[in-house]
PDB file of N, CA and C in Angstrom:
ATOM      1  N   MET A   1       2.548  12.848  -9.427  1.00  0.00           N
ATOM      2  CA  MET A   1       3.097  12.431 -10.704  1.00  0.00           C
ATOM      3  C   MET A   1       3.322  10.925 -10.672  1.00  0.00           C
ATOM      4  N   ASN A   2       2.940  10.247 -11.720  1.00  0.00           N
ATOM      5  CA  ASN A   2       3.125   8.802 -11.802  1.00  0.00           C
ATOM      6  C   ASN A   2       4.548   8.462 -12.213  1.00  0.00           C
ATOM      7  N   ASP A   3       5.178   7.641 -11.454  1.00  0.00           N
ATOM      8  CA  ASP A   3       6.505   7.133 -11.781  1.00  0.00           C
ATOM      9  C   ASP A   3       6.303   5.895 -12.642  1.00  0.00           C
ATOM     10  N   SER A   4       7.010   5.787 -13.748  1.00  0.00           N
ATOM     11  CA  SER A   4       6.824   4.639 -14.636  1.00  0.00           C
ATOM     12  C   SER A   4       7.134   3.333 -13.927  1.00  0.00           C
ATOM     13  N   LYS A   5       8.021   3.370 -12.948  1.00  0.00           N
ATOM     14  CA  LYS A   5       8.349   2.175 -12.180  1.00  0.00           C
ATOM     15  C   LYS A   5       7.117   1.672 -11.411  1.00  0.00           C
ATOM     16  N   ASP A   6       6.345   2.613 -10.803  1.00  0.00           N
ATOM     17  CA  ASP A   6       5.135   2.235 -10.079  1.00  0.00           C
ATOM     18  C   ASP A   6       4.114   1.587 -11.001  1.00  0.00           C
ATOM     19  N   SER A   7       3.956   2.130 -12.198  1.00  0.00           N
ATOM     20  CA  SER A   7       2.949   1.581 -13.106  1.00  0.00           C
ATOM     21  C   SER A   7       3.338   0.191 -13.587  1.00  0.00           C
ATOM     22  N   GLU A   8       4.622  -0.117 -13.588  1.00  0.00           N
ATOM     23  CA  GLU A   8       5.073  -1.434 -14.018  1.00  0.00           C
ATOM     24  C   GLU A   8       4.702  -2.518 -13.005  1.00  0.00           C
ATOM     25  N   VAL A   9       4.662  -2.184 -11.710  1.00  0.00           N
ATOM     26  CA  VAL A   9       4.364  -3.194 -10.698  1.00  0.00           C
ATOM     27  C   VAL A   9       2.886  -3.220 -10.321  1.00  0.00           C
ATOM     28  N   LYS A  10       2.119  -2.304 -10.841  1.00  0.00           N
ATOM     29  CA  LYS A  10       0.688  -2.258 -10.533  1.00  0.00           C
ATOM     30  C   LYS A  10      -0.015  -3.452 -11.170  1.00  0.00           C
ATOM     31  N   ILE A  11      -0.690  -4.224 -10.348  1.00  0.00           N
ATOM     32  CA  ILE A  11      -1.466  -5.364 -10.829  1.00  0.00           C
ATOM     33  C   ILE A  11      -2.939  -5.009 -10.625  1.00  0.00           C
ATOM     34  N   THR A  12      -3.710  -5.100 -11.657  1.00  0.00           N
ATOM     35  CA  THR A  12      -5.143  -4.857 -11.526  1.00  0.00           C
ATOM     36  C   THR A  12      -5.784  -6.152 -11.045  1.00  0.00           C
ATOM     37  N   ILE A  13      -6.609  -6.033 -10.041  1.00  0.00           N
ATOM     38  CA  ILE A  13      -7.266  -7.222  -9.494  1.00  0.00           C
ATOM     39  C   ILE A  13      -8.223  -7.781 -10.546  1.00  0.00           C
ATOM     40  N   THR A  14      -8.074  -9.060 -10.814  1.00  0.00           N
ATOM     41  CA  THR A  14      -8.930  -9.729 -11.796  1.00  0.00           C
ATOM     42  C   THR A  14     -10.015 -10.502 -11.048  1.00  0.00           C
ATOM     43  N   SER A  15     -10.992 -10.998 -11.791  1.00  0.00           N
ATOM     44  CA  SER A  15     -12.034 -11.798 -11.153  1.00  0.00           C
ATOM     45  C   SER A  15     -11.443 -13.081 -10.572  1.00  0.00           C
ATOM     46  N   ASP A  16     -10.406 -13.619 -11.197  1.00  0.00           N
ATOM     47  CA  ASP A  16      -9.759 -14.817 -10.644  1.00  0.00           C
ATOM     48  C   ASP A  16      -9.074 -14.514  -9.317  1.00  0.00           C
ATOM     49  N   HIS A  17      -8.387 -13.362  -9.249  1.00  0.00           N
ATOM     50  CA  HIS A  17      -7.754 -12.961  -7.986  1.00  0.00           C
ATOM     51  C   HIS A  17      -8.825 -12.796  -6.904  1.00  0.00           C
ATOM     52  N   LYS A  18      -9.885 -12.103  -7.269  1.00  0.00           N
ATOM     53  CA  LYS A  18     -10.961 -11.826  -6.304  1.00  0.00           C
ATOM     54  C   LYS A  18     -11.583 -13.133  -5.806  1.00  0.00           C
ATOM     55  N   LYS A  19     -11.828 -14.067  -6.707  1.00  0.00           N
ATOM     56  CA  LYS A  19     -12.405 -15.362  -6.313  1.00  0.00           C
ATOM     57  C   LYS A  19     -11.474 -16.112  -5.379  1.00  0.00           C
ATOM     58  N   LYS A  20     -10.183 -16.095  -5.680  1.00  0.00           N
ATOM     59  CA  LYS A  20      -9.208 -16.789  -4.833  1.00  0.00           C
ATOM     60  C   LYS A  20      -9.173 -16.165  -3.438  1.00  0.00           C
ATOM     61  N   ILE A  21      -9.118 -14.844  -3.371  1.00  0.00           N
ATOM     62  CA  ILE A  21      -9.092 -14.145  -2.078  1.00  0.00           C
ATOM     63  C   ILE A  21     -10.364 -14.436  -1.297  1.00  0.00           C
ATOM     64  N   GLU A  22     -11.521 -14.297  -1.943  1.00  0.00           N
ATOM     65  CA  GLU A  22     -12.796 -14.546  -1.259  1.00  0.00           C
ATOM     66  C   GLU A  22     -12.891 -15.979  -0.767  1.00  0.00           C
ATOM     67  N   SER A  23     -12.424 -16.910  -1.556  1.00  0.00           N
ATOM     68  CA  SER A  23     -12.451 -18.325  -1.162  1.00  0.00           C
ATOM     69  C   SER A  23     -11.598 -18.552   0.078  1.00  0.00           C
ATOM     70  N   LEU A  24     -10.408 -18.004   0.094  1.00  0.00           N
ATOM     71  CA  LEU A  24      -9.504 -18.186   1.234  1.00  0.00           C
ATOM     72  C   LEU A  24     -10.076 -17.587   2.519  1.00  0.00           C
ATOM     73  N   ILE A  25     -10.642 -16.392   2.423  1.00  0.00           N
ATOM     74  CA  ILE A  25     -11.126 -15.748   3.649  1.00  0.00           C
ATOM     75  C   ILE A  25     -12.446 -16.340   4.132  1.00  0.00           C
ATOM     76  N   LYS A  26     -13.215 -16.942   3.241  1.00  0.00           N
ATOM     77  CA  LYS A  26     -14.465 -17.586   3.661  1.00  0.00           C
ATOM     78  C   LYS A  26     -14.217 -18.985   4.206  1.00  0.00           C
ATOM     79  N   GLU A  27     -13.150 -19.608   3.740  1.00  0.00           N
ATOM     80  CA  GLU A  27     -12.817 -20.981   4.104  1.00  0.00           C
ATOM     81  C   GLU A  27     -12.288 -21.105   5.538  1.00  0.00           C
ATOM     82  N   HIS A  28     -11.731 -20.026   6.056  1.00  0.00           N
ATOM     83  CA  HIS A  28     -11.067 -20.061   7.362  1.00  0.00           C
ATOM     84  C   HIS A  28     -11.635 -18.980   8.276  1.00  0.00           C
ATOM     85  N   LYS A  29     -11.868 -19.345   9.534  1.00  0.00           N
ATOM     86  CA  LYS A  29     -12.424 -18.398  10.497  1.00  0.00           C
ATOM     87  C   LYS A  29     -11.514 -17.180  10.663  1.00  0.00           C
ATOM     88  N   ILE A  30     -10.215 -17.432  10.816  1.00  0.00           N
ATOM     89  CA  ILE A  30      -9.251 -16.344  10.943  1.00  0.00           C
ATOM     90  C   ILE A  30      -8.162 -16.587   9.908  1.00  0.00           C
ATOM     91  N   PHE A  31      -7.979 -15.594   9.044  1.00  0.00           N
ATOM     92  CA  PHE A  31      -7.066 -15.760   7.927  1.00  0.00           C
ATOM     93  C   PHE A  31      -6.239 -14.497   7.747  1.00  0.00           C
ATOM     94  N   ALA A  32      -4.972 -14.695   7.378  1.00  0.00           N
ATOM     95  CA  ALA A  32      -4.082 -13.549   7.159  1.00  0.00           C
ATOM     96  C   ALA A  32      -3.292 -13.720   5.870  1.00  0.00           C
ATOM     97  N   PHE A  33      -3.211 -12.656   5.105  1.00  0.00           N
ATOM     98  CA  PHE A  33      -2.282 -12.569   3.994  1.00  0.00           C
ATOM     99  C   PHE A  33      -1.031 -11.967   4.613  1.00  0.00           C
ATOM    100  N   MET A  34       0.049 -12.733   4.582  1.00  0.00           N
ATOM    101  CA  MET A  34       1.225 -12.363   5.353  1.00  0.00           C
ATOM    102  C   MET A  34       2.506 -12.674   4.612  1.00  0.00           C
ATOM    103  N   LYS A  35       3.598 -12.125   5.117  1.00  0.00           N
ATOM    104  CA  LYS A  35       4.920 -12.463   4.597  1.00  0.00           C
ATOM    105  C   LYS A  35       5.408 -13.660   5.396  1.00  0.00           C
ATOM    106  N   GLY A  36       5.564 -14.786   4.710  1.00  0.00           N
ATOM    107  CA  GLY A  36       5.924 -16.027   5.375  1.00  0.00           C
ATOM    108  C   GLY A  36       4.672 -16.836   5.683  1.00  0.00           C
ATOM    109  N   THR A  37       4.822 -17.772   6.597  1.00  0.00           N
ATOM    110  CA  THR A  37       3.714 -18.656   6.977  1.00  0.00           C
ATOM    111  C   THR A  37       3.433 -18.505   8.471  1.00  0.00           C
ATOM    112  N   PRO A  38       2.301 -19.032   8.946  1.00  0.00           N
ATOM    113  CA  PRO A  38       2.043 -18.969  10.383  1.00  0.00           C
ATOM    114  C   PRO A  38       3.165 -19.605  11.226  1.00  0.00           C
ATOM    115  N   ASP A  39       3.793 -20.647  10.701  1.00  0.00           N
ATOM    116  CA  ASP A  39       4.889 -21.281  11.430  1.00  0.00           C
ATOM    117  C   ASP A  39       6.217 -20.541  11.283  1.00  0.00           C
ATOM    118  N   MET A  40       6.381 -19.847  10.173  1.00  0.00           N
ATOM    119  CA  MET A  40       7.652 -19.160   9.885  1.00  0.00           C
ATOM    120  C   MET A  40       7.396 -17.762   9.295  1.00  0.00           C
ATOM    121  N   PRO A  41       6.979 -16.807  10.134  1.00  0.00           N
ATOM    122  CA  PRO A  41       6.774 -15.446   9.631  1.00  0.00           C
ATOM    123  C   PRO A  41       8.075 -14.891   9.067  1.00  0.00           C
ATOM    124  N   ALA A  42       7.963 -14.093   8.005  1.00  0.00           N
ATOM    125  CA  ALA A  42       9.159 -13.595   7.326  1.00  0.00           C
ATOM    126  C   ALA A  42       9.352 -12.089   7.461  1.00  0.00           C
ATOM    127  N   CYS A  43       8.612 -11.464   8.360  1.00  0.00           N
ATOM    128  CA  CYS A  43       8.838 -10.044   8.640  1.00  0.00           C
ATOM    129  C   CYS A  43       8.389  -9.764  10.074  1.00  0.00           C
ATOM    130  N   ARG A  44       8.831  -8.639  10.568  1.00  0.00           N
ATOM    131  CA  ARG A  44       8.535  -8.251  11.961  1.00  0.00           C
ATOM    132  C   ARG A  44       7.032  -8.160  12.224  1.00  0.00           C
ATOM    133  N   PHE A  45       6.281  -7.610  11.277  1.00  0.00           N
ATOM    134  CA  PHE A  45       4.847  -7.419  11.495  1.00  0.00           C
ATOM    135  C   PHE A  45       4.083  -8.747  11.461  1.00  0.00           C
ATOM    136  N   SER A  46       4.475  -9.632  10.551  1.00  0.00           N
ATOM    137  CA  SER A  46       3.848 -10.955  10.518  1.00  0.00           C
ATOM    138  C   SER A  46       4.192 -11.730  11.789  1.00  0.00           C
ATOM    139  N   ALA A  47       5.416 -11.574  12.275  1.00  0.00           N
ATOM    140  CA  ALA A  47       5.813 -12.233  13.530  1.00  0.00           C
ATOM    141  C   ALA A  47       5.034 -11.661  14.711  1.00  0.00           C
ATOM    142  N   GLN A  48       4.824 -10.358  14.719  1.00  0.00           N
ATOM    143  CA  GLN A  48       4.045  -9.728  15.791  1.00  0.00           C
ATOM    144  C   GLN A  48       2.603 -10.243  15.770  1.00  0.00           C
ATOM    145  N   MET A  49       2.032 -10.374  14.575  1.00  0.00           N
ATOM    146  CA  MET A  49       0.682 -10.911  14.446  1.00  0.00           C
ATOM    147  C   MET A  49       0.619 -12.329  15.012  1.00  0.00           C
ATOM    148  N   LYS A  50       1.571 -13.166  14.625  1.00  0.00           N
ATOM    149  CA  LYS A  50       1.625 -14.542  15.123  1.00  0.00           C
ATOM    150  C   LYS A  50       1.725 -14.563  16.644  1.00  0.00           C
ATOM    151  N   ASP A  51       2.559 -13.683  17.201  1.00  0.00           N
ATOM    152  CA  ASP A  51       2.727 -13.626  18.659  1.00  0.00           C
ATOM    153  C   ASP A  51       1.411 -13.276  19.352  1.00  0.00           C
ATOM    154  N   ILE A  52       0.655 -12.363  18.781  1.00  0.00           N
ATOM    155  CA  ILE A  52      -0.643 -11.983  19.372  1.00  0.00           C
ATOM    156  C   ILE A  52      -1.585 -13.184  19.367  1.00  0.00           C
ATOM    157  N   PHE A  53      -1.697 -13.838  18.221  1.00  0.00           N
ATOM    158  CA  PHE A  53      -2.580 -15.003  18.137  1.00  0.00           C
ATOM    159  C   PHE A  53      -2.098 -16.126  19.056  1.00  0.00           C
ATOM    160  N   ASP A  54      -0.795 -16.361  19.102  1.00  0.00           N
ATOM    161  CA  ASP A  54      -0.254 -17.413  19.973  1.00  0.00           C
ATOM    162  C   ASP A  54      -0.517 -17.115  21.446  1.00  0.00           C
ATOM    163  N   GLU A  55      -0.311 -15.858  21.837  1.00  0.00           N
ATOM    164  CA  GLU A  55      -0.527 -15.461  23.229  1.00  0.00           C
ATOM    165  C   GLU A  55      -1.969 -15.737  23.660  1.00  0.00           C
ATOM    166  N   LEU A  56      -2.902 -15.490  22.766  1.00  0.00           N
ATOM    167  CA  LEU A  56      -4.324 -15.682  23.082  1.00  0.00           C
ATOM    168  C   LEU A  56      -4.809 -17.086  22.726  1.00  0.00           C
ATOM    169  N   LYS A  57      -3.902 -17.915  22.224  1.00  0.00           N
ATOM    170  CA  LYS A  57      -4.238 -19.283  21.811  1.00  0.00           C
ATOM    171  C   LYS A  57      -5.360 -19.293  20.772  1.00  0.00           C
ATOM    172  N   ILE A  58      -5.235 -18.374  19.813  1.00  0.00           N
ATOM    173  CA  ILE A  58      -6.198 -18.263  18.717  1.00  0.00           C
ATOM    174  C   ILE A  58      -5.549 -18.828  17.459  1.00  0.00           C
ATOM    175  N   PRO A  59      -6.068 -19.934  16.940  1.00  0.00           N
ATOM    176  CA  PRO A  59      -5.499 -20.487  15.709  1.00  0.00           C
ATOM    177  C   PRO A  59      -5.876 -19.626  14.492  1.00  0.00           C
ATOM    178  N   PHE A  60      -4.964 -19.577  13.543  1.00  0.00           N
ATOM    179  CA  PHE A  60      -5.249 -18.846  12.308  1.00  0.00           C
ATOM    180  C   PHE A  60      -4.538 -19.527  11.145  1.00  0.00           C
ATOM    181  N   GLN A  61      -5.013 -19.247   9.969  1.00  0.00           N
ATOM    182  CA  GLN A  61      -4.404 -19.740   8.739  1.00  0.00           C
ATOM    183  C   GLN A  61      -3.794 -18.549   8.015  1.00  0.00           C
ATOM    184  N   GLY A  62      -2.779 -18.810   7.201  1.00  0.00           N
ATOM    185  CA  GLY A  62      -2.146 -17.718   6.485  1.00  0.00           C
ATOM    186  C   GLY A  62      -1.792 -18.087   5.060  1.00  0.00           C
ATOM    187  N   TYR A  63      -1.590 -17.066   4.261  1.00  0.00           N
ATOM    188  CA  TYR A  63      -1.186 -17.212   2.862  1.00  0.00           C
ATOM    189  C   TYR A  63       0.096 -16.423   2.676  1.00  0.00           C
ATOM    190  N   ASN A  64       1.136 -17.093   2.219  1.00  0.00           N
ATOM    191  CA  ASN A  64       2.433 -16.468   2.041  1.00  0.00           C
ATOM    192  C   ASN A  64       2.457 -15.665   0.746  1.00  0.00           C
ATOM    193  N   ILE A  65       2.308 -14.363   0.876  1.00  0.00           N
ATOM    194  CA  ILE A  65       2.259 -13.515  -0.312  1.00  0.00           C
ATOM    195  C   ILE A  65       3.629 -13.362  -0.978  1.00  0.00           C
ATOM    196  N   LEU A  66       4.684 -13.785  -0.288  1.00  0.00           N
ATOM    197  CA  LEU A  66       6.014 -13.722  -0.896  1.00  0.00           C
ATOM    198  C   LEU A  66       6.154 -14.726  -2.039  1.00  0.00           C
ATOM    199  N   GLU A  67       5.286 -15.719  -2.058  1.00  0.00           N
ATOM    200  CA  GLU A  67       5.324 -16.735  -3.105  1.00  0.00           C
ATOM    201  C   GLU A  67       4.338 -16.455  -4.241  1.00  0.00           C
ATOM    202  N   ASP A  68       3.602 -15.346  -4.148  1.00  0.00           N
ATOM    203  CA  ASP A  68       2.577 -15.045  -5.158  1.00  0.00           C
ATOM    204  C   ASP A  68       2.462 -13.539  -5.327  1.00  0.00           C
ATOM    205  N   PHE A  69       3.286 -12.990  -6.218  1.00  0.00           N
ATOM    206  CA  PHE A  69       3.328 -11.546  -6.410  1.00  0.00           C
ATOM    207  C   PHE A  69       1.970 -10.973  -6.808  1.00  0.00           C
ATOM    208  N   GLU A  70       1.243 -11.675  -7.659  1.00  0.00           N
ATOM    209  CA  GLU A  70      -0.045 -11.147  -8.108  1.00  0.00           C
ATOM    210  C   GLU A  70      -1.036 -11.020  -6.958  1.00  0.00           C
ATOM    211  N   ILE A  71      -1.114 -12.033  -6.095  1.00  0.00           N
ATOM    212  CA  ILE A  71      -2.016 -11.946  -4.939  1.00  0.00           C
ATOM    213  C   ILE A  71      -1.512 -10.891  -3.958  1.00  0.00           C
ATOM    214  N   ARG A  72      -0.198 -10.764  -3.838  1.00  0.00           N
ATOM    215  CA  ARG A  72       0.377  -9.736  -2.954  1.00  0.00           C
ATOM    216  C   ARG A  72      -0.139  -8.359  -3.352  1.00  0.00           C
ATOM    217  N   GLN A  73      -0.207  -8.083  -4.642  1.00  0.00           N
ATOM    218  CA  GLN A  73      -0.708  -6.797  -5.113  1.00  0.00           C
ATOM    219  C   GLN A  73      -2.243  -6.750  -5.092  1.00  0.00           C
ATOM    220  N   ALA A  74      -2.870  -7.846  -5.484  1.00  0.00           N
ATOM    221  CA  ALA A  74      -4.332  -7.879  -5.586  1.00  0.00           C
ATOM    222  C   ALA A  74      -5.007  -7.703  -4.235  1.00  0.00           C
ATOM    223  N   ILE A  75      -4.410  -8.256  -3.156  1.00  0.00           N
ATOM    224  CA  ILE A  75      -5.047  -8.130  -1.841  1.00  0.00           C
ATOM    225  C   ILE A  75      -5.097  -6.664  -1.406  1.00  0.00           C
ATOM    226  N   LYS A  76      -4.094  -5.905  -1.798  1.00  0.00           N
ATOM    227  CA  LYS A  76      -4.080  -4.480  -1.462  1.00  0.00           C
ATOM    228  C   LYS A  76      -5.212  -3.742  -2.185  1.00  0.00           C
ATOM    229  N   ASP A  77      -5.476  -4.110  -3.439  1.00  0.00           N
ATOM    230  CA  ASP A  77      -6.595  -3.528  -4.176  1.00  0.00           C
ATOM    231  C   ASP A  77      -7.929  -3.999  -3.596  1.00  0.00           C
ATOM    232  N   PHE A  78      -7.984  -5.267  -3.220  1.00  0.00           N
ATOM    233  CA  PHE A  78      -9.209  -5.868  -2.690  1.00  0.00           C
ATOM    234  C   PHE A  78      -9.676  -5.140  -1.428  1.00  0.00           C
ATOM    235  N   THR A  79      -8.735  -4.829  -0.537  1.00  0.00           N
ATOM    236  CA  THR A  79      -9.088  -4.220   0.749  1.00  0.00           C
ATOM    237  C   THR A  79      -8.929  -2.706   0.759  1.00  0.00           C
ATOM    238  N   GLY A  80      -8.118  -2.189  -0.154  1.00  0.00           N
ATOM    239  CA  GLY A  80      -7.804  -0.766  -0.099  1.00  0.00           C
ATOM    240  C   GLY A  80      -6.808  -0.448   1.011  1.00  0.00           C
ATOM    241  N   TRP A  81      -6.144  -1.462   1.521  1.00  0.00           N
ATOM    242  CA  TRP A  81      -5.187  -1.324   2.636  1.00  0.00           C
ATOM    243  C   TRP A  81      -3.789  -1.552   2.061  1.00  0.00           C
ATOM    244  N   PRO A  82      -2.848  -0.624   2.276  1.00  0.00           N
ATOM    245  CA  PRO A  82      -1.563  -0.707   1.580  1.00  0.00           C
ATOM    246  C   PRO A  82      -0.506  -1.624   2.200  1.00  0.00           C
ATOM    247  N   THR A  83      -0.702  -2.061   3.435  1.00  0.00           N
ATOM    248  CA  THR A  83       0.362  -2.804   4.109  1.00  0.00           C
ATOM    249  C   THR A  83      -0.038  -4.243   4.411  1.00  0.00           C
ATOM    250  N   LEU A  84       0.965  -5.029   4.747  1.00  0.00           N
ATOM    251  CA  LEU A  84       0.773  -6.432   5.110  1.00  0.00           C
ATOM    252  C   LEU A  84       1.400  -6.660   6.479  1.00  0.00           C
ATOM    253  N   PRO A  85       0.893  -7.577   7.268  1.00  0.00           N
ATOM    254  CA  PRO A  85      -0.170  -8.519   6.932  1.00  0.00           C
ATOM    255  C   PRO A  85      -1.548  -7.857   6.906  1.00  0.00           C
ATOM    256  N   GLN A  86      -2.477  -8.588   6.281  1.00  0.00           N
ATOM    257  CA  GLN A  86      -3.879  -8.189   6.268  1.00  0.00           C
ATOM    258  C   GLN A  86      -4.682  -9.325   6.882  1.00  0.00           C
ATOM    259  N   ILE A  87      -5.482  -8.994   7.886  1.00  0.00           N
ATOM    260  CA  ILE A  87      -6.141  -9.999   8.713  1.00  0.00           C
ATOM    261  C   ILE A  87      -7.658  -9.943   8.510  1.00  0.00           C
ATOM    262  N   PHE A  88      -8.234 -11.141   8.381  1.00  0.00           N
ATOM    263  CA  PHE A  88      -9.689 -11.293   8.217  1.00  0.00           C
ATOM    264  C   PHE A  88     -10.204 -12.198   9.321  1.00  0.00           C
ATOM    265  N   ILE A  89     -11.340 -11.833   9.888  1.00  0.00           N
ATOM    266  CA  ILE A  89     -12.020 -12.691  10.861  1.00  0.00           C
ATOM    267  C   ILE A  89     -13.439 -12.908  10.359  1.00  0.00           C
ATOM    268  N   LYS A  90     -13.779 -14.164  10.178  1.00  0.00           N
ATOM    269  CA  LYS A  90     -15.093 -14.560   9.657  1.00  0.00           C
ATOM    270  C   LYS A  90     -15.425 -13.841   8.365  1.00  0.00           C
ATOM    271  N   GLY A  91     -14.435 -13.756   7.482  1.00  0.00           N
ATOM    272  CA  GLY A  91     -14.645 -13.151   6.173  1.00  0.00           C
ATOM    273  C   GLY A  91     -14.605 -11.639   6.146  1.00  0.00           C
ATOM    274  N   ASN A  92     -14.488 -11.008   7.309  1.00  0.00           N
ATOM    275  CA  ASN A  92     -14.465  -9.546   7.380  1.00  0.00           C
ATOM    276  C   ASN A  92     -13.039  -9.037   7.535  1.00  0.00           C
ATOM    277  N   PHE A  93     -12.692  -8.037   6.748  1.00  0.00           N
ATOM    278  CA  PHE A  93     -11.370  -7.446   6.838  1.00  0.00           C
ATOM    279  C   PHE A  93     -11.253  -6.658   8.133  1.00  0.00           C
ATOM    280  N   ILE A  94     -10.222  -6.977   8.910  1.00  0.00           N
ATOM    281  CA  ILE A  94      -9.989  -6.320  10.197  1.00  0.00           C
ATOM    282  C   ILE A  94      -8.987  -5.184  10.049  1.00  0.00           C
ATOM    283  N   GLY A  95      -7.902  -5.433   9.337  1.00  0.00           N
ATOM    284  CA  GLY A  95      -6.842  -4.446   9.177  1.00  0.00           C
ATOM    285  C   GLY A  95      -5.500  -5.122   9.294  1.00  0.00           C
ATOM    286  N   GLY A  96      -4.517  -4.358   9.754  1.00  0.00           N
ATOM    287  CA  GLY A  96      -3.169  -4.869   9.920  1.00  0.00           C
ATOM    288  C   GLY A  96      -2.867  -5.173  11.376  1.00  0.00           C
ATOM    289  N   VAL A  97      -1.592  -5.374  11.649  1.00  0.00           N
ATOM    290  CA  VAL A  97      -1.173  -5.776  12.985  1.00  0.00           C
ATOM    291  C   VAL A  97      -1.428  -4.677  14.019  1.00  0.00           C
ATOM    292  N   ASP A  98      -1.386  -3.412  13.613  1.00  0.00           N
ATOM    293  CA  ASP A  98      -1.667  -2.329  14.554  1.00  0.00           C
ATOM    294  C   ASP A  98      -3.119  -2.403  15.045  1.00  0.00           C
ATOM    295  N   ILE A  99      -4.030  -2.673  14.142  1.00  0.00           N
ATOM    296  CA  ILE A  99      -5.449  -2.818  14.505  1.00  0.00           C
ATOM    297  C   ILE A  99      -5.631  -4.075  15.350  1.00  0.00           C
ATOM    298  N   LEU A 100      -4.945  -5.158  14.977  1.00  0.00           N
ATOM    299  CA  LEU A 100      -5.023  -6.398  15.743  1.00  0.00           C
ATOM    300  C   LEU A 100      -4.582  -6.161  17.186  1.00  0.00           C
ATOM    301  N   GLN A 101      -3.501  -5.410  17.374  1.00  0.00           N
ATOM    302  CA  GLN A 101      -3.009  -5.103  18.719  1.00  0.00           C
ATOM    303  C   GLN A 101      -4.041  -4.297  19.496  1.00  0.00           C
ATOM    304  N   GLU A 102      -4.654  -3.316  18.857  1.00  0.00           N
ATOM    305  CA  GLU A 102      -5.694  -2.512  19.518  1.00  0.00           C
ATOM    306  C   GLU A 102      -6.875  -3.388  19.926  1.00  0.00           C
ATOM    307  N   LEU A 103      -7.294  -4.293  19.048  1.00  0.00           N
ATOM    308  CA  LEU A 103      -8.408  -5.195  19.365  1.00  0.00           C
ATOM    309  C   LEU A 103      -8.047  -6.115  20.522  1.00  0.00           C
ATOM    310  N   LYS A 104      -6.813  -6.589  20.550  1.00  0.00           N
ATOM    311  CA  LYS A 104      -6.348  -7.442  21.655  1.00  0.00           C
ATOM    312  C   LYS A 104      -6.374  -6.656  22.968  1.00  0.00           C
ATOM    313  N   ASP A 105      -5.809  -5.447  22.940  1.00  0.00           N
ATOM    314  CA  ASP A 105      -5.717  -4.632  24.153  1.00  0.00           C
ATOM    315  C   ASP A 105      -7.084  -4.278  24.722  1.00  0.00           C
ATOM    316  N   SER A 106      -8.073  -4.116  23.841  1.00  0.00           N
ATOM    317  CA  SER A 106      -9.421  -3.758  24.295  1.00  0.00           C
ATOM    318  C   SER A 106     -10.256  -4.979  24.679  1.00  0.00           C
ATOM    319  N   GLY A 107      -9.752  -6.187  24.363  1.00  0.00           N
ATOM    320  CA  GLY A 107     -10.506  -7.408  24.645  1.00  0.00           C
ATOM    321  C   GLY A 107     -11.448  -7.806  23.522  1.00  0.00           C
ATOM    322  N   GLU A 108     -11.544  -6.973  22.492  1.00  0.00           N
ATOM    323  CA  GLU A 108     -12.450  -7.254  21.380  1.00  0.00           C
ATOM    324  C   GLU A 108     -11.990  -8.453  20.549  1.00  0.00           C
ATOM    325  N   LEU A 109     -10.695  -8.611  20.369  1.00  0.00           N
ATOM    326  CA  LEU A 109     -10.190  -9.702  19.553  1.00  0.00           C
ATOM    327  C   LEU A 109     -10.615 -11.055  20.126  1.00  0.00           C
ATOM    328  N   GLN A 110     -10.504 -11.181  21.432  1.00  0.00           N
ATOM    329  CA  GLN A 110     -10.887 -12.428  22.076  1.00  0.00           C
ATOM    330  C   GLN A 110     -12.375 -12.707  21.852  1.00  0.00           C
ATOM    331  N   LYS A 111     -13.212 -11.685  21.921  1.00  0.00           N
ATOM    332  CA  LYS A 111     -14.645 -11.851  21.677  1.00  0.00           C
ATOM    333  C   LYS A 111     -14.912 -12.224  20.216  1.00  0.00           C
ATOM    334  N   MET A 112     -14.251 -11.535  19.299  1.00  0.00           N
ATOM    335  CA  MET A 112     -14.451 -11.798  17.875  1.00  0.00           C
ATOM    336  C   MET A 112     -14.045 -13.216  17.517  1.00  0.00           C
ATOM    337  N   ALA A 113     -12.953 -13.677  18.079  1.00  0.00           N
ATOM    338  CA  ALA A 113     -12.451 -15.014  17.768  1.00  0.00           C
ATOM    339  C   ALA A 113     -13.307 -16.101  18.389  1.00  0.00           C
ATOM    340  N   ALA A 114     -13.979 -15.785  19.479  1.00  0.00           N
ATOM    341  CA  ALA A 114     -14.784 -16.788  20.187  1.00  0.00           C
ATOM    342  C   ALA A 114     -16.120 -17.062  19.512  1.00  0.00           C
ATOM    343  N   LEU A 115     -16.646 -16.109  18.807  1.00  0.00           N
ATOM    344  CA  LEU A 115     -17.980 -16.265  18.200  1.00  0.00           C
ATOM    345  C   LEU A 115     -17.984 -17.263  17.068  1.00  0.00           C
TER     346      LEU A 115
END
């Protein structure tokens, strides 16, 4: 059943949102839509992501979705992934921090970042 509250916050991804997202992920080798910034993560999961990248000395760029409600909703539609942060490597959607941790543990993240 649809709750009217849910329908009020639903943002349909527009071509402008899609262009902005595509531009950001193509512009940077490793990019994350996150709560806060790479220097100042604003949630536990964004901080965990930063810690993984810092530990491996992998630089990344981020977009603070707390400052842009429309992109915060649009990125979820763009990827079909409901949680944040959302991580992209070389324009490809990787997943969230749980997937990032798995890639790190298997050694795949280091390989992906090196290419």
